[in-house]
């Protein structure tokens, strides 16, 4: 395999002038917009088949010269997202796709959590261990039941919103390390690598800025100000390219139950039940009051909606206090929703099943909030 000439953007991005950073983000926005016009039949992951030496892959140039991979054929196969493989899940017979509809994908995610919770039970374990597992499984079953109801009633999936439901390449998870720029002119992208296992998703999910532009949970720091500026560049570029009626732009600005379901579907309903179940219950109660599940729904998982207390709220303080990435944050969340003095214990990871094998270190990691340096 031939090494792509250039330098990884990850190693130099924070040191570049603001104007160069803006130029690079604008280029990525155009590439994502161009790729969004390529449609696929199902939700899944792309695989490049092994090619014989006589049929090497040839580079494909975009309209402004950046190299994208070009092979005689690609295969749309099962999703490779870590939620289907971590903590011994790789050995379970889970439905990983491809999925013909978004509803089919969400139903498979719900079934995945139910199957994985049941797989934790084993003979020979202590009564205390089995008792904890039983309580956790009841919580998972409650979450799965709510999720099934929300999936059936959620508007905008599949045929209800055909423009945003079509399947496209999901580029927003490509990191800075996958972007290669010219050594001589760092404002020019020469190649984008790491396309293996790129996911195919509905456009309403694909049309998002790169993950490293997502704001942190705490907010208000210099990095978030930088991300905010670059997001404005990203959105403005899309608007200038396709106008205010752009389908991509409409998807970019959408924030409804589809996104809440998508976020919930990537969590472990057993380990993260303290977060998943209240979120689903909140969505369900709101839908019962409004009579619909669609635009305007909220998710407890969204960082900008964690603090909703009436009066003079300390938004920054509450966001830090309830940060689910920290043990104290998880304990604080559990304390708000339970009674008793065991919140700190509940916030810790549950015991692993004696029959499960952990994957080798570094193979899969649970999704976390990203920074510009990741």
Protein backbone atom coordinates (compact mmCIF):
# COMPACT_ATOMS: atom_id res chain seq x y z
CA UNK A 1 0.00 0.00 0.00
CA UNK A 2 1.42 3.36 -1.02
CA UNK A 3 1.68 6.11 1.59
CA UNK A 4 -0.28 9.26 0.81
CA UNK A 5 2.01 12.32 0.56
CA UNK A 6 1.27 15.13 2.98
CA UNK A 7 0.75 15.66 6.70
CA UNK A 8 -2.12 14.66 8.97
CA UNK A 9 -4.26 17.65 9.86
CA UNK A 10 -4.50 16.45 13.45
CA UNK A 11 -0.84 17.31 14.08
CA UNK A 12 -1.03 20.93 12.94
CA UNK A 13 -4.65 22.11 13.06
CA UNK A 14 -4.49 23.94 16.41
CA UNK A 15 -1.40 25.87 15.27
CA UNK A 16 -2.87 27.08 11.97
CA UNK A 17 -4.11 30.66 11.48
CA UNK A 18 -7.86 31.18 11.81
CA UNK A 19 -8.21 31.90 8.11
CA UNK A 20 -6.56 28.57 7.22
CA UNK A 21 -8.76 26.68 9.67
CA UNK A 22 -11.84 28.30 8.12
CA UNK A 23 -10.69 27.35 4.62
CA UNK A 24 -10.18 23.72 5.61
CA UNK A 25 -13.58 23.43 7.30
CA UNK A 26 -15.21 24.98 4.23
CA UNK A 27 -13.50 22.37 2.02
CA UNK A 28 -14.75 19.54 4.23
CA UNK A 29 -18.27 20.98 4.12
CA UNK A 30 -18.21 20.89 0.31
CA UNK A 31 -16.91 17.31 0.25
CA UNK A 32 -19.63 16.18 2.65
CA UNK A 33 -22.24 17.98 0.58
CA UNK A 34 -21.02 16.33 -2.63
CA UNK A 35 -21.00 12.86 -1.08
CA UNK A 36 -24.50 13.35 0.36
CA UNK A 37 -25.85 13.12 -3.20
CA UNK A 38 -24.71 9.48 -3.47
CA UNK A 39 -27.56 7.21 -2.34
CA UNK A 40 -27.49 3.64 -1.02
CA UNK A 41 -30.11 0.95 -0.49
CA UNK A 42 -29.57 0.14 3.19
CA UNK A 43 -28.04 1.17 6.50
CA UNK A 44 -24.72 -0.60 7.01
CA UNK A 45 -20.96 -0.23 6.68
CA UNK A 46 -18.87 -0.09 3.51
CA UNK A 47 -16.20 -2.69 2.91
CA UNK A 48 -13.59 -2.67 0.17
CA UNK A 49 -13.06 -6.21 -1.15
CA UNK A 50 -9.53 -7.56 -1.46
CA UNK A 51 -8.17 -6.82 -4.89
CA UNK A 52 -5.59 -8.88 -6.78
CA UNK A 53 -2.23 -7.19 -7.48
CA UNK A 54 -3.15 -6.73 -11.14
CA UNK A 55 -6.16 -4.60 -10.19
CA UNK A 56 -4.82 -1.89 -7.90
CA UNK A 57 -7.15 0.75 -6.52
CA UNK A 58 -6.89 4.01 -8.41
CA UNK A 59 -7.37 7.46 -6.90
CA UNK A 60 -10.47 9.41 -7.78
CA UNK A 61 -10.29 13.19 -7.84
CA UNK A 62 -13.12 15.45 -6.71
CA UNK A 63 -13.93 18.63 -8.60
CA UNK A 64 -11.10 20.51 -6.87
CA UNK A 65 -8.49 17.77 -6.91
CA UNK A 66 -8.72 16.01 -3.54
CA UNK A 67 -8.20 12.23 -3.71
CA UNK A 68 -10.97 9.86 -2.69
CA UNK A 69 -10.63 6.07 -2.85
CA UNK A 70 -11.85 4.40 -6.01
CA UNK A 71 -12.14 0.63 -6.31
CA UNK A 72 -13.96 -1.51 -8.86
CA UNK A 73 -16.65 -2.38 -6.31
CA UNK A 74 -17.60 -1.94 -2.68
CA UNK A 75 -19.70 -4.14 -0.44
CA UNK A 76 -22.40 -2.85 1.88
CA UNK A 77 -22.25 -5.11 4.91
CA UNK A 78 -23.09 -5.19 8.64
CA UNK A 79 -22.57 -2.12 10.79
CA UNK A 80 -19.22 -2.03 12.56
CA UNK A 81 -20.25 0.39 15.32
CA UNK A 82 -18.71 -0.53 18.68
CA UNK A 83 -22.13 -0.87 20.37
CA UNK A 84 -22.54 -4.17 18.49
CA UNK A 85 -19.14 -5.57 19.53
CA UNK A 86 -17.85 -4.25 22.89
CA UNK A 87 -17.86 -6.22 26.17
CA UNK A 88 -18.14 -9.64 24.57
CA UNK A 89 -20.94 -8.69 22.17
CA UNK A 90 -18.86 -9.70 19.16
CA UNK A 91 -19.52 -13.36 19.99
CA UNK A 92 -23.31 -12.94 20.21
CA UNK A 93 -25.57 -13.61 17.17
CA UNK A 94 -26.86 -10.03 16.93
CA UNK A 95 -28.56 -8.53 13.90
CA UNK A 96 -25.98 -6.03 12.65
CA UNK A 97 -27.57 -5.34 9.29
CA UNK A 98 -27.62 -4.17 6.62
CA UNK A 99 -31.01 -2.64 7.47
CA UNK A 100 -33.53 -1.65 4.77
CA UNK A 101 -35.15 1.08 6.90
CA UNK A 102 -34.32 3.30 9.86
CA UNK A 103 -37.08 1.62 11.87
CA UNK A 104 -35.54 -1.78 11.21
CA UNK A 105 -32.20 -0.43 12.49
CA UNK A 106 -33.71 1.01 15.68
CA UNK A 107 -35.69 -2.17 16.38
CA UNK A 108 -32.45 -4.15 15.96
CA UNK A 109 -30.69 -1.84 18.44
CA UNK A 110 -33.48 -2.40 20.97
CA UNK A 111 -33.29 -6.17 20.49
CA UNK A 112 -29.50 -5.99 20.79
CA UNK A 113 -29.74 -4.51 24.28
CA UNK A 114 -32.31 -7.11 25.34
CA UNK A 115 -30.22 -10.01 24.02
CA UNK A 116 -27.02 -8.68 25.61
CA UNK A 117 -28.70 -8.22 29.00
CA UNK A 118 -29.98 -11.81 28.88
CA UNK A 119 -26.52 -13.08 27.93
CA UNK A 120 -25.12 -11.77 31.23
CA UNK A 121 -26.90 -14.51 33.19
CA UNK A 122 -24.80 -17.58 33.90
CA UNK A 123 -24.86 -20.62 36.14
CA UNK A 124 -22.58 -20.72 39.14
CA UNK A 125 -22.65 -16.99 39.89
CA UNK A 126 -23.37 -15.68 43.39
CA UNK A 127 -26.91 -14.81 44.45
CA UNK A 128 -25.94 -11.17 44.92
CA UNK A 129 -24.53 -11.04 41.39
CA UNK A 130 -27.65 -12.64 39.91
CA UNK A 131 -29.89 -10.32 41.94
CA UNK A 132 -28.09 -7.26 40.58
CA UNK A 133 -28.33 -8.66 37.07
CA UNK A 134 -32.05 -9.30 37.45
CA UNK A 135 -32.66 -5.72 38.56
CA UNK A 136 -30.60 -4.46 35.65
CA UNK A 137 -32.46 -6.65 33.19
CA UNK A 138 -35.83 -5.35 34.39
CA UNK A 139 -34.55 -1.85 33.69
CA UNK A 140 -33.38 -2.90 30.23
CA UNK A 141 -36.74 -4.50 29.47
CA UNK A 142 -38.50 -1.30 30.50
CA UNK A 143 -36.18 0.74 28.26
CA UNK A 144 -36.68 -1.60 25.31
CA UNK A 145 -40.46 -1.48 25.70
CA UNK A 146 -40.45 2.32 25.66
CA UNK A 147 -38.07 2.39 22.71
CA UNK A 148 -40.30 0.04 20.70
CA UNK A 149 -43.28 2.31 21.27
CA UNK A 150 -41.34 5.45 20.35
CA UNK A 151 -39.91 3.84 17.20
CA UNK A 152 -43.38 2.87 16.00
CA UNK A 153 -44.77 6.35 16.60
CA UNK A 154 -41.79 8.51 15.65
CA UNK A 155 -42.46 10.79 12.71
CA UNK A 156 -39.89 11.50 10.02
CA UNK A 157 -38.48 8.00 9.74
CA UNK A 158 -38.38 6.35 6.34
CA UNK A 159 -41.32 7.21 4.05
CA UNK A 160 -42.66 10.05 6.23
CA UNK A 161 -39.73 12.29 5.24
CA UNK A 162 -38.25 10.78 2.06
CA UNK A 163 -35.84 13.66 1.37
CA UNK A 164 -34.03 13.22 4.69
CA UNK A 165 -34.62 9.46 4.97
CA UNK A 166 -32.48 8.47 1.98
CA UNK A 167 -29.27 6.67 2.86
CA UNK A 168 -25.93 8.36 2.33
CA UNK A 169 -22.28 8.26 3.45
CA UNK A 170 -21.82 9.31 7.05
CA UNK A 171 -18.61 11.35 7.04
CA UNK A 172 -19.08 13.27 10.26
CA UNK A 173 -17.14 10.68 12.28
CA UNK A 174 -13.97 11.11 10.22
CA UNK A 175 -11.35 12.64 12.50
CA UNK A 176 -8.63 15.19 11.86
CA UNK A 177 -6.14 12.32 11.64
CA UNK A 178 -7.96 11.10 8.52
CA UNK A 179 -7.48 14.39 6.67
CA UNK A 180 -4.17 14.78 4.81
CA UNK A 181 -3.08 18.28 3.81
CA UNK A 182 -0.22 19.56 1.69
CA UNK A 183 3.06 20.22 3.49
CA UNK A 184 3.72 23.22 1.29
CA UNK A 185 0.20 24.64 1.56
CA UNK A 186 -1.64 23.37 4.69
CA UNK A 187 -4.84 25.09 3.54
CA UNK A 188 -5.20 22.49 0.78
CA UNK A 189 -6.61 19.03 1.48
CA UNK A 190 -4.89 16.44 -0.71
CA UNK A 191 -6.53 13.24 0.55
CA UNK A 192 -9.00 11.75 3.01
CA UNK A 193 -8.10 8.29 4.34
CA UNK A 194 -9.61 5.64 6.65
CA UNK A 195 -12.71 4.94 4.57
CA UNK A 196 -12.86 1.28 5.52
CA UNK A 197 -16.10 0.53 7.40
CA UNK A 198 -17.57 3.96 6.70
CA UNK A 199 -21.21 3.83 7.74
CA UNK A 200 -24.24 4.39 5.53
CA UNK A 201 -26.95 6.25 7.45
CA UNK A 202 -30.09 8.34 6.80
CA UNK A 203 -29.32 11.85 5.59
CA UNK A 204 -30.79 13.40 8.73
CA UNK A 205 -27.94 11.74 10.63
CA UNK A 206 -25.21 12.19 8.00
CA UNK A 207 -25.78 15.93 7.57
CA UNK A 208 -23.87 16.99 10.66
CA UNK A 209 -20.57 18.77 11.10
CA UNK A 210 -17.49 16.63 11.86
CA UNK A 211 -17.56 15.26 15.41
CA UNK A 212 -14.59 17.38 16.44
CA UNK A 213 -16.77 20.48 16.03
CA UNK A 214 -19.30 19.25 18.62
CA UNK A 215 -19.36 21.42 21.77
CA UNK A 216 -18.17 19.98 25.06
CA UNK A 217 -20.50 19.41 28.00
CA UNK A 218 -19.02 22.22 30.09
CA UNK A 219 -19.05 24.91 27.41
CA UNK A 220 -17.80 28.47 27.69
CA UNK A 221 -14.12 27.72 27.12
CA UNK A 222 -11.82 28.85 24.33
CA UNK A 223 -12.09 25.55 22.47
CA UNK A 224 -15.88 25.81 22.35
CA UNK A 225 -15.61 29.35 20.99
CA UNK A 226 -13.33 28.00 18.26
CA UNK A 227 -15.79 25.20 17.51
CA UNK A 228 -18.65 27.68 17.37
CA UNK A 229 -16.82 29.83 14.83
CA UNK A 230 -15.92 26.83 12.68
CA UNK A 231 -19.48 25.49 12.82
CA UNK A 232 -20.70 28.85 11.50
CA UNK A 233 -18.20 28.50 8.65
CA UNK A 234 -19.46 24.97 7.95
CA UNK A 235 -23.11 26.00 7.84
CA UNK A 236 -22.47 29.16 5.82
CA UNK A 237 -20.55 27.15 3.22
CA UNK A 238 -23.49 24.76 2.76
CA UNK A 239 -25.93 27.66 2.48
CA UNK A 240 -23.81 29.47 -0.10
CA UNK A 241 -23.37 26.29 -2.14
CA UNK A 242 -27.01 25.17 -2.30
CA UNK A 243 -29.05 28.09 -1.01
CA UNK A 244 -31.36 28.39 2.01
CA UNK A 245 -33.66 25.60 0.74
CA UNK A 246 -30.85 23.01 0.69
CA UNK A 247 -31.94 19.54 1.83
CA UNK A 248 -28.57 19.09 3.51
CA UNK A 249 -29.09 22.37 5.37
CA UNK A 250 -32.56 21.30 6.52
CA UNK A 251 -31.07 18.06 7.82
CA UNK A 252 -28.24 19.97 9.51
CA UNK A 253 -30.73 22.18 11.35
CA UNK A 254 -33.06 19.33 12.35
CA UNK A 255 -33.13 18.42 16.03
CA UNK A 256 -36.01 16.11 16.89
CA UNK A 257 -36.92 12.66 18.14
CA UNK A 258 -35.00 10.96 15.36
CA UNK A 259 -31.77 12.34 16.77
CA UNK A 260 -32.75 11.49 20.35
CA UNK A 261 -33.52 7.89 19.35
CA UNK A 262 -30.26 7.72 17.42
CA UNK A 263 -28.29 8.85 20.45
CA UNK A 264 -30.08 6.49 22.85
CA UNK A 265 -29.57 3.56 20.45
CA UNK A 266 -25.77 3.79 20.80
CA UNK A 267 -25.74 3.45 24.59
CA UNK A 268 -25.53 0.29 26.69
CA UNK A 269 -29.01 -0.02 28.24
CA UNK A 270 -27.58 -2.09 31.12
CA UNK A 271 -24.50 -0.08 32.09
CA UNK A 272 -26.00 3.28 31.13
CA UNK A 273 -29.54 2.53 32.30
CA UNK A 274 -29.43 5.45 34.73
CA UNK A 275 -29.27 7.71 31.69
CA UNK A 276 -31.12 5.75 29.00
CA UNK A 277 -34.31 4.94 30.91
CA UNK A 278 -35.04 8.50 32.17
CA UNK A 279 -34.42 9.82 28.66
CA UNK A 280 -36.87 7.39 27.10
CA UNK A 281 -39.43 8.03 29.85
CA UNK A 282 -39.14 11.78 29.27
CA UNK A 283 -39.66 11.32 25.53
CA UNK A 284 -42.60 8.99 26.13
CA UNK A 285 -44.34 11.30 28.62
CA UNK A 286 -43.92 14.26 26.28
CA UNK A 287 -45.40 12.26 23.42
CA UNK A 288 -48.39 11.29 25.58
CA UNK A 289 -49.10 14.93 26.37
CA UNK A 290 -48.63 16.21 22.83
CA UNK A 291 -50.18 13.20 21.10
CA UNK A 292 -47.25 12.87 18.71
CA UNK A 293 -43.61 11.94 18.54
CA UNK A 294 -41.79 14.30 16.25
CA UNK A 295 -40.32 17.78 15.95
CA UNK A 296 -39.74 19.57 19.21
CA UNK A 297 -38.99 16.51 21.34
CA UNK A 298 -36.14 16.79 23.84
CA UNK A 299 -33.50 14.37 25.07
CA UNK A 300 -31.86 14.28 28.49
CA UNK A 301 -28.74 13.17 26.66
CA UNK A 302 -28.38 16.55 24.95
CA UNK A 303 -25.85 18.58 26.92
CA UNK A 304 -27.57 21.91 26.32
CA UNK A 305 -30.78 20.60 27.91
CA UNK A 306 -29.43 19.09 31.11
CA UNK A 307 -30.17 22.15 33.24
CA UNK A 308 -33.88 22.96 33.13
CA UNK A 309 -34.56 24.13 36.66
CA UNK A 310 -36.84 27.19 37.01
CA UNK A 311 -35.39 30.45 38.27
CA UNK A 312 -31.81 31.60 38.14
CA UNK A 313 -30.11 28.50 36.75
CA UNK A 314 -26.37 28.03 36.86
CA UNK A 315 -26.16 26.30 33.49
CA UNK A 316 -22.40 25.89 33.40
CA UNK A 317 -22.29 24.58 36.95
CA UNK A 318 -25.11 22.12 36.39
CA UNK A 319 -23.54 20.81 33.21
CA UNK A 320 -20.28 20.17 35.04
CA UNK A 321 -22.07 18.60 37.99
CA UNK A 322 -24.06 16.21 35.79
CA UNK A 323 -21.24 15.30 33.41
CA UNK A 324 -21.87 11.57 32.70
CA UNK A 325 -18.18 11.05 31.84
CA UNK A 326 -17.27 11.42 35.52
CA UNK A 327 -18.10 9.19 38.47
CA UNK A 328 -19.44 12.12 40.48
CA UNK A 329 -21.58 13.20 37.55
CA UNK A 330 -23.15 9.77 37.24
CA UNK A 331 -23.70 9.60 41.00
CA UNK A 332 -25.38 13.03 40.97
CA UNK A 333 -27.72 11.95 38.17
CA UNK A 334 -28.62 8.73 40.01
CA UNK A 335 -29.15 10.63 43.28
CA UNK A 336 -31.72 12.84 41.54
CA UNK A 337 -33.68 9.82 40.34
CA UNK A 338 -33.38 7.32 43.22
CA UNK A 339 -33.66 7.12 46.99
CA UNK A 340 -31.05 5.80 49.38
CA UNK A 341 -27.32 6.25 49.91
CA UNK A 342 -26.06 3.87 47.22
CA UNK A 343 -25.76 6.36 44.34
CA UNK A 344 -21.96 6.22 44.24
CA UNK A 345 -21.98 2.41 44.04
CA UNK A 346 -24.63 2.44 41.32
CA UNK A 347 -22.56 4.93 39.32
CA UNK A 348 -19.73 2.43 39.02
CA UNK A 349 -19.59 -0.05 36.16
CA UNK A 350 -21.61 -3.24 36.87
CA UNK A 351 -19.68 -6.50 37.27
CA UNK A 352 -18.74 -8.31 34.09
CA UNK A 353 -20.28 -11.67 33.39
CA UNK A 354 -17.96 -14.57 34.31
CA UNK A 355 -18.53 -16.08 30.85
CA UNK A 356 -17.76 -12.97 28.82
CA UNK A 357 -14.38 -12.27 27.37
CA UNK A 358 -13.25 -8.70 27.04
CA UNK A 359 -11.92 -7.65 23.64
CA UNK A 360 -8.20 -6.90 23.33
CA UNK A 361 -7.26 -3.48 24.60
CA UNK A 362 -7.69 -0.68 22.11
CA UNK A 363 -10.02 -2.57 19.76
CA UNK A 364 -13.24 -0.85 20.74
CA UNK A 365 -14.04 2.03 23.01
CA UNK A 366 -17.35 3.42 24.09
CA UNK A 367 -18.21 6.69 22.29
CA UNK A 368 -17.22 9.83 24.20
CA UNK A 369 -17.38 13.54 23.57
CA UNK A 370 -14.62 14.60 21.23
CA UNK A 371 -12.11 17.41 21.31
CA UNK A 372 -10.26 19.06 18.46
CA UNK A 373 -7.17 17.13 19.48
CA UNK A 374 -8.73 13.67 19.05
